[in-house]
Amino acid sequence: MIKFFRHIRRNLMETGKTGKYLKYAIGEILLVVIGILIALQLNTHKENSQKADLGYKYLTEMKTEVQNDFFYIDRRI
């Protein structure tokens, strides 16, 4: 794939079509930027999902502890 893009770039520069080359270069830069933004979005989503899972785990542990404390207090009374 890299050879393909290198061939296109070389053809455009050799034939003197700098306008087309600039459009090609801008398009290639945009594709890279879009790829980076997608990767950041996926990473952020993954981190938020992990934080939500951790929060749910803490809440269930707290619920269990409160229930255990309630039964302990009830038995002591």
PDB file of N, CA and C in Angstrom:
ATOM      1  N   MET A   1       0.829  -1.185   0.000  1.00  0.00           N
ATOM      2  CA  MET A   1       0.000   0.000   0.000  1.00  0.00           C
ATOM      3  C   MET A   1       0.876   1.252   0.000  1.00  0.00           C
ATOM      4  N   ILE A   2       1.970   1.211   0.753  1.00  0.00           N
ATOM      5  CA  ILE A   2       2.857   2.366   0.798  1.00  0.00           C
ATOM      6  C   ILE A   2       3.496   2.593  -0.564  1.00  0.00           C
ATOM      7  N   LYS A   3       3.852   1.513  -1.249  1.00  0.00           N
ATOM      8  CA  LYS A   3       4.437   1.647  -2.588  1.00  0.00           C
ATOM      9  C   LYS A   3       3.447   2.311  -3.538  1.00  0.00           C
ATOM     10  N   PHE A   4       2.166   1.981  -3.374  1.00  0.00           N
ATOM     11  CA  PHE A   4       1.134   2.560  -4.229  1.00  0.00           C
ATOM     12  C   PHE A   4       1.075   4.069  -4.053  1.00  0.00           C
ATOM     13  N   PHE A   5       1.048   4.528  -2.800  1.00  0.00           N
ATOM     14  CA  PHE A   5       0.982   5.961  -2.534  1.00  0.00           C
ATOM     15  C   PHE A   5       2.281   6.657  -2.962  1.00  0.00           C
ATOM     16  N   ARG A   6       3.410   5.982  -2.773  1.00  0.00           N
ATOM     17  CA  ARG A   6       4.693   6.549  -3.195  1.00  0.00           C
ATOM     18  C   ARG A   6       4.709   6.730  -4.706  1.00  0.00           C
ATOM     19  N   HIS A   7       4.149   5.774  -5.432  1.00  0.00           N
ATOM     20  CA  HIS A   7       4.089   5.845  -6.893  1.00  0.00           C
ATOM     21  C   HIS A   7       3.223   7.029  -7.327  1.00  0.00           C
ATOM     22  N   ILE A   8       2.082   7.203  -6.706  1.00  0.00           N
ATOM     23  CA  ILE A   8       1.204   8.328  -7.040  1.00  0.00           C
ATOM     24  C   ILE A   8       1.924   9.647  -6.783  1.00  0.00           C
ATOM     25  N   ARG A   9       2.555   9.758  -5.634  1.00  0.00           N
ATOM     26  CA  ARG A   9       3.269  10.984  -5.265  1.00  0.00           C
ATOM     27  C   ARG A   9       4.372  11.290  -6.285  1.00  0.00           C
ATOM     28  N   ARG A  10       5.153  10.288  -6.639  1.00  0.00           N
ATOM     29  CA  ARG A  10       6.257  10.482  -7.578  1.00  0.00           C
ATOM     30  C   ARG A  10       5.730  10.904  -8.948  1.00  0.00           C
ATOM     31  N   ASN A  11       4.641  10.275  -9.412  1.00  0.00           N
ATOM     32  CA  ASN A  11       4.055  10.631 -10.709  1.00  0.00           C
ATOM     33  C   ASN A  11       3.594  12.075 -10.732  1.00  0.00           C
ATOM     34  N   LEU A  12       2.934  12.496  -9.667  1.00  0.00           N
ATOM     35  CA  LEU A  12       2.421  13.863  -9.636  1.00  0.00           C
ATOM     36  C   LEU A  12       3.552  14.889  -9.622  1.00  0.00           C
ATOM     37  N   MET A  13       4.615  14.607  -8.924  1.00  0.00           N
ATOM     38  CA  MET A  13       5.731  15.553  -8.867  1.00  0.00           C
ATOM     39  C   MET A  13       6.514  15.568 -10.180  1.00  0.00           C
ATOM     40  N   GLU A  14       6.681  14.403 -10.815  1.00  0.00           N
ATOM     41  CA  GLU A  14       7.444  14.340 -12.064  1.00  0.00           C
ATOM     42  C   GLU A  14       6.708  15.013 -13.213  1.00  0.00           C
ATOM     43  N   THR A  15       5.398  14.937 -13.229  1.00  0.00           N
ATOM     44  CA  THR A  15       4.645  15.513 -14.341  1.00  0.00           C
ATOM     45  C   THR A  15       4.370  16.997 -14.117  1.00  0.00           C
ATOM     46  N   GLY A  16       4.755  17.536 -12.990  1.00  0.00           N
ATOM     47  CA  GLY A  16       4.608  18.978 -12.763  1.00  0.00           C
ATOM     48  C   GLY A  16       3.218  19.374 -12.317  1.00  0.00           C
ATOM     49  N   LYS A  17       2.457  18.451 -11.780  1.00  0.00           N
ATOM     50  CA  LYS A  17       1.099  18.754 -11.326  1.00  0.00           C
ATOM     51  C   LYS A  17       1.134  19.037  -9.821  1.00  0.00           C
ATOM     52  N   THR A  18       1.703  20.173  -9.472  1.00  0.00           N
ATOM     53  CA  THR A  18       1.865  20.490  -8.055  1.00  0.00           C
ATOM     54  C   THR A  18       0.519  20.763  -7.386  1.00  0.00           C
ATOM     55  N   GLY A  19      -0.435  21.295  -8.123  1.00  0.00           N
ATOM     56  CA  GLY A  19      -1.769  21.538  -7.542  1.00  0.00           C
ATOM     57  C   GLY A  19      -2.417  20.235  -7.111  1.00  0.00           C
ATOM     58  N   LYS A  20      -2.355  19.248  -7.985  1.00  0.00           N
ATOM     59  CA  LYS A  20      -2.916  17.940  -7.637  1.00  0.00           C
ATOM     60  C   LYS A  20      -2.135  17.305  -6.493  1.00  0.00           C
ATOM     61  N   TYR A  21      -0.814  17.512  -6.497  1.00  0.00           N
ATOM     62  CA  TYR A  21       0.005  16.953  -5.421  1.00  0.00           C
ATOM     63  C   TYR A  21      -0.372  17.565  -4.082  1.00  0.00           C
ATOM     64  N   LEU A  22      -0.600  18.870  -4.060  1.00  0.00           N
ATOM     65  CA  LEU A  22      -0.994  19.526  -2.812  1.00  0.00           C
ATOM     66  C   LEU A  22      -2.340  18.997  -2.316  1.00  0.00           C
ATOM     67  N   LYS A  23      -3.283  18.805  -3.246  1.00  0.00           N
ATOM     68  CA  LYS A  23      -4.575  18.232  -2.859  1.00  0.00           C
ATOM     69  C   LYS A  23      -4.396  16.827  -2.296  1.00  0.00           C
ATOM     70  N   TYR A  24      -3.542  16.063  -2.932  1.00  0.00           N
ATOM     71  CA  TYR A  24      -3.261  14.706  -2.469  1.00  0.00           C
ATOM     72  C   TYR A  24      -2.636  14.737  -1.079  1.00  0.00           C
ATOM     73  N   ALA A  25      -1.676  15.634  -0.881  1.00  0.00           N
ATOM     74  CA  ALA A  25      -0.987  15.722   0.410  1.00  0.00           C
ATOM     75  C   ALA A  25      -1.958  16.141   1.510  1.00  0.00           C
ATOM     76  N   ILE A  26      -2.817  17.094   1.223  1.00  0.00           N
ATOM     77  CA  ILE A  26      -3.812  17.530   2.215  1.00  0.00           C
ATOM     78  C   ILE A  26      -4.770  16.388   2.535  1.00  0.00           C
ATOM     79  N   GLY A  27      -5.185  15.649   1.525  1.00  0.00           N
ATOM     80  CA  GLY A  27      -6.064  14.503   1.752  1.00  0.00           C
ATOM     81  C   GLY A  27      -5.402  13.444   2.607  1.00  0.00           C
ATOM     82  N   GLU A  28      -4.124  13.211   2.358  1.00  0.00           N
ATOM     83  CA  GLU A  28      -3.399  12.206   3.142  1.00  0.00           C
ATOM     84  C   GLU A  28      -3.271  12.661   4.598  1.00  0.00           C
ATOM     85  N   ILE A  29      -2.994  13.931   4.804  1.00  0.00           N
ATOM     86  CA  ILE A  29      -2.900  14.475   6.160  1.00  0.00           C
ATOM     87  C   ILE A  29      -4.246  14.359   6.870  1.00  0.00           C
ATOM     88  N   LEU A  30      -5.323  14.665   6.178  1.00  0.00           N
ATOM     89  CA  LEU A  30      -6.660  14.552   6.775  1.00  0.00           C
ATOM     90  C   LEU A  30      -6.969  13.111   7.175  1.00  0.00           C
ATOM     91  N   LEU A  31      -6.578  12.163   6.347  1.00  0.00           N
ATOM     92  CA  LEU A  31      -6.809  10.757   6.686  1.00  0.00           C
ATOM     93  C   LEU A  31      -6.060  10.362   7.955  1.00  0.00           C
ATOM     94  N   VAL A  32      -4.839  10.836   8.092  1.00  0.00           N
ATOM     95  CA  VAL A  32      -4.059  10.530   9.290  1.00  0.00           C
ATOM     96  C   VAL A  32      -4.703  11.155  10.520  1.00  0.00           C
ATOM     97  N   VAL A  33      -5.131  12.414  10.392  1.00  0.00           N
ATOM     98  CA  VAL A  33      -5.761  13.105  11.521  1.00  0.00           C
ATOM     99  C   VAL A  33      -7.052  12.400  11.925  1.00  0.00           C
ATOM    100  N   ILE A  34      -7.848  11.995  10.953  1.00  0.00           N
ATOM    101  CA  ILE A  34      -9.097  11.292  11.252  1.00  0.00           C
ATOM    102  C   ILE A  34      -8.792   9.964  11.956  1.00  0.00           C
ATOM    103  N   GLY A  35      -7.762   9.265  11.513  1.00  0.00           N
ATOM    104  CA  GLY A  35      -7.377   8.013  12.159  1.00  0.00           C
ATOM    105  C   GLY A  35      -6.964   8.227  13.607  1.00  0.00           C
ATOM    106  N   ILE A  36      -6.210   9.289  13.856  1.00  0.00           N
ATOM    107  CA  ILE A  36      -5.789   9.591  15.227  1.00  0.00           C
ATOM    108  C   ILE A  36      -6.997   9.933  16.091  1.00  0.00           C
ATOM    109  N   LEU A  37      -7.923  10.721  15.563  1.00  0.00           N
ATOM    110  CA  LEU A  37      -9.118  11.096  16.328  1.00  0.00           C
ATOM    111  C   LEU A  37      -9.972   9.873  16.659  1.00  0.00           C
ATOM    112  N   ILE A  38     -10.083   8.947  15.728  1.00  0.00           N
ATOM    113  CA  ILE A  38     -10.847   7.726  15.989  1.00  0.00           C
ATOM    114  C   ILE A  38     -10.172   6.906  17.085  1.00  0.00           C
ATOM    115  N   ALA A  39      -8.841   6.812  17.027  1.00  0.00           N
ATOM    116  CA  ALA A  39      -8.112   6.061  18.049  1.00  0.00           C
ATOM    117  C   ALA A  39      -8.289   6.700  19.427  1.00  0.00           C
ATOM    118  N   LEU A  40      -8.252   8.021  19.491  1.00  0.00           N
ATOM    119  CA  LEU A  40      -8.460   8.716  20.767  1.00  0.00           C
ATOM    120  C   LEU A  40      -9.873   8.486  21.295  1.00  0.00           C
ATOM    121  N   GLN A  41     -10.846   8.506  20.397  1.00  0.00           N
ATOM    122  CA  GLN A  41     -12.237   8.288  20.783  1.00  0.00           C
ATOM    123  C   GLN A  41     -12.413   6.885  21.377  1.00  0.00           C
ATOM    124  N   LEU A  42     -11.829   5.894  20.724  1.00  0.00           N
ATOM    125  CA  LEU A  42     -11.935   4.520  21.221  1.00  0.00           C
ATOM    126  C   LEU A  42     -11.242   4.371  22.573  1.00  0.00           C
ATOM    127  N   ASN A  43     -10.097   5.019  22.738  1.00  0.00           N
ATOM    128  CA  ASN A  43      -9.375   4.936  23.995  1.00  0.00           C
ATOM    129  C   ASN A  43     -10.175   5.583  25.121  1.00  0.00           C
ATOM    130  N   THR A  44     -10.765   6.732  24.853  1.00  0.00           N
ATOM    131  CA  THR A  44     -11.578   7.422  25.854  1.00  0.00           C
ATOM    132  C   THR A  44     -12.791   6.579  26.235  1.00  0.00           C
ATOM    133  N   HIS A  45     -13.416   5.973  25.245  1.00  0.00           N
ATOM    134  CA  HIS A  45     -14.576   5.115  25.510  1.00  0.00           C
ATOM    135  C   HIS A  45     -14.185   3.940  26.396  1.00  0.00           C
ATOM    136  N   LYS A  46     -13.029   3.341  26.105  1.00  0.00           N
ATOM    137  CA  LYS A  46     -12.556   2.198  26.889  1.00  0.00           C
ATOM    138  C   LYS A  46     -12.286   2.615  28.335  1.00  0.00           C
ATOM    139  N   GLU A  47     -11.641   3.758  28.521  1.00  0.00           N
ATOM    140  CA  GLU A  47     -11.336   4.243  29.873  1.00  0.00           C
ATOM    141  C   GLU A  47     -12.622   4.531  30.650  1.00  0.00           C
ATOM    142  N   ASN A  48     -13.593   5.164  29.996  1.00  0.00           N
ATOM    143  CA  ASN A  48     -14.863   5.457  30.669  1.00  0.00           C
ATOM    144  C   ASN A  48     -15.598   4.182  31.049  1.00  0.00           C
ATOM    145  N   SER A  49     -15.528   3.192  30.188  1.00  0.00           N
ATOM    146  CA  SER A  49     -16.169   1.910  30.476  1.00  0.00           C
ATOM    147  C   SER A  49     -15.514   1.241  31.679  1.00  0.00           C
ATOM    148  N   GLN A  50     -14.188   1.298  31.737  1.00  0.00           N
ATOM    149  CA  GLN A  50     -13.482   0.698  32.871  1.00  0.00           C
ATOM    150  C   GLN A  50     -13.819   1.427  34.172  1.00  0.00           C
ATOM    151  N   LYS A  51     -13.929   2.752  34.119  1.00  0.00           N
ATOM    152  CA  LYS A  51     -14.277   3.522  35.315  1.00  0.00           C
ATOM    153  C   LYS A  51     -15.685   3.182  35.778  1.00  0.00           C
ATOM    154  N   ALA A  52     -16.610   3.011  34.840  1.00  0.00           N
ATOM    155  CA  ALA A  52     -17.981   2.668  35.198  1.00  0.00           C
ATOM    156  C   ALA A  52     -18.038   1.281  35.834  1.00  0.00           C
ATOM    157  N   ASP A  53     -17.290   0.349  35.276  1.00  0.00           N
ATOM    158  CA  ASP A  53     -17.250  -1.001  35.849  1.00  0.00           C
ATOM    159  C   ASP A  53     -16.679  -0.985  37.262  1.00  0.00           C
ATOM    160  N   LEU A  54     -15.631  -0.199  37.473  1.00  0.00           N
ATOM    161  CA  LEU A  54     -15.027  -0.094  38.792  1.00  0.00           C
ATOM    162  C   LEU A  54     -16.003   0.536  39.785  1.00  0.00           C
ATOM    163  N   GLY A  55     -16.728   1.562  39.348  1.00  0.00           N
ATOM    164  CA  GLY A  55     -17.730   2.188  40.210  1.00  0.00           C
ATOM    165  C   GLY A  55     -18.827   1.217  40.595  1.00  0.00           C
ATOM    166  N   TYR A  56     -19.285   0.411  39.640  1.00  0.00           N
ATOM    167  CA  TYR A  56     -20.316  -0.586  39.925  1.00  0.00           C
ATOM    168  C   TYR A  56     -19.800  -1.614  40.929  1.00  0.00           C
ATOM    169  N   LYS A  57     -18.526  -2.014  40.767  1.00  0.00           N
ATOM    170  CA  LYS A  57     -17.928  -2.978  41.689  1.00  0.00           C
ATOM    171  C   LYS A  57     -17.891  -2.406  43.103  1.00  0.00           C
ATOM    172  N   TYR A  58     -17.478  -1.143  43.241  1.00  0.00           N
ATOM    173  CA  TYR A  58     -17.431  -0.506  44.560  1.00  0.00           C
ATOM    174  C   TYR A  58     -18.824  -0.426  45.189  1.00  0.00           C
ATOM    175  N   LEU A  59     -19.815  -0.087  44.373  1.00  0.00           N
ATOM    176  CA  LEU A  59     -21.175   0.016  44.901  1.00  0.00           C
ATOM    177  C   LEU A  59     -21.697  -1.330  45.389  1.00  0.00           C
ATOM    178  N   THR A  60     -21.438  -2.389  44.649  1.00  0.00           N
ATOM    179  CA  THR A  60     -21.914  -3.710  45.080  1.00  0.00           C
ATOM    180  C   THR A  60     -21.191  -4.158  46.347  1.00  0.00           C
ATOM    181  N   GLU A  61     -19.888  -3.843  46.445  1.00  0.00           N
ATOM    182  CA  GLU A  61     -19.155  -4.193  47.668  1.00  0.00           C
ATOM    183  C   GLU A  61     -19.692  -3.410  48.863  1.00  0.00           C
ATOM    184  N   MET A  62     -19.996  -2.126  48.658  1.00  0.00           N
ATOM    185  CA  MET A  62     -20.546  -1.317  49.746  1.00  0.00           C
ATOM    186  C   MET A  62     -21.908  -1.854  50.179  1.00  0.00           C
ATOM    187  N   LYS A  63     -22.722  -2.263  49.219  1.00  0.00           N
ATOM    188  CA  LYS A  63     -24.040  -2.811  49.536  1.00  0.00           C
ATOM    189  C   LYS A  63     -23.889  -4.074  50.379  1.00  0.00           C
ATOM    190  N   THR A  64     -22.970  -4.944  49.986  1.00  0.00           N
ATOM    191  CA  THR A  64     -22.745  -6.179  50.733  1.00  0.00           C
ATOM    192  C   THR A  64     -22.273  -5.879  52.148  1.00  0.00           C
ATOM    193  N   GLU A  65     -21.357  -4.934  52.290  1.00  0.00           N
ATOM    194  CA  GLU A  65     -20.857  -4.574  53.612  1.00  0.00           C
ATOM    195  C   GLU A  65     -21.955  -3.990  54.495  1.00  0.00           C
ATOM    196  N   VAL A  66     -22.808  -3.148  53.922  1.00  0.00           N
ATOM    197  CA  VAL A  66     -23.909  -2.556  54.692  1.00  0.00           C
ATOM    198  C   VAL A  66     -24.886  -3.647  55.135  1.00  0.00           C
ATOM    199  N   GLN A  67     -25.181  -4.594  54.245  1.00  0.00           N
ATOM    200  CA  GLN A  67     -26.073  -5.691  54.617  1.00  0.00           C
ATOM    201  C   GLN A  67     -25.460  -6.539  55.723  1.00  0.00           C
ATOM    202  N   ASN A  68     -24.173  -6.826  55.614  1.00  0.00           N
ATOM    203  CA  ASN A  68     -23.502  -7.607  56.659  1.00  0.00           C
ATOM    204  C   ASN A  68     -23.507  -6.862  57.992  1.00  0.00           C
ATOM    205  N   ASP A  69     -23.250  -5.557  57.953  1.00  0.00           N
ATOM    206  CA  ASP A  69     -23.278  -4.757  59.178  1.00  0.00           C
ATOM    207  C   ASP A  69     -24.685  -4.734  59.777  1.00  0.00           C
ATOM    208  N   PHE A  70     -25.691  -4.635  58.916  1.00  0.00           N
ATOM    209  CA  PHE A  70     -27.072  -4.617  59.392  1.00  0.00           C
ATOM    210  C   PHE A  70     -27.421  -5.925  60.099  1.00  0.00           C
ATOM    211  N   PHE A  71     -27.044  -7.069  59.496  1.00  0.00           N
ATOM    212  CA  PHE A  71     -27.326  -8.367  60.127  1.00  0.00           C
ATOM    213  C   PHE A  71     -26.539  -8.533  61.427  1.00  0.00           C
ATOM    214  N   TYR A  72     -25.315  -8.031  61.465  1.00  0.00           N
ATOM    215  CA  TYR A  72     -24.503  -8.117  62.673  1.00  0.00           C
ATOM    216  C   TYR A  72     -25.142  -7.309  63.807  1.00  0.00           C
ATOM    217  N   ILE A  73     -25.563  -6.097  63.486  1.00  0.00           N
ATOM    218  CA  ILE A  73     -26.215  -5.249  64.485  1.00  0.00           C
ATOM    219  C   ILE A  73     -27.528  -5.866  64.936  1.00  0.00           C
ATOM    220  N   ASP A  74     -28.270  -6.440  64.013  1.00  0.00           N
ATOM    221  CA  ASP A  74     -29.567  -7.059  64.337  1.00  0.00           C
ATOM    222  C   ASP A  74     -29.366  -8.249  65.281  1.00  0.00           C
ATOM    223  N   ARG A  75     -28.316  -9.032  65.064  1.00  0.00           N
ATOM    224  CA  ARG A  75     -28.037 -10.167  65.927  1.00  0.00           C
ATOM    225  C   ARG A  75     -27.598  -9.697  67.317  1.00  0.00           C
ATOM    226  N   ARG A  76     -26.876  -8.610  67.380  1.00  0.00           N
ATOM    227  CA  ARG A  76     -26.385  -8.103  68.672  1.00  0.00           C
ATOM    228  C   ARG A  76     -27.532  -7.551  69.527  1.00  0.00           C
ATOM    229  N   ILE A  77     -28.557  -7.062  68.871  1.00  0.00           N
ATOM    230  CA  ILE A  77     -29.704  -6.505  69.594  1.00  0.00           C
ATOM    231  C   ILE A  77     -30.587  -7.649  70.009  1.00  0.00           C
TER     232      ILE A  77
END
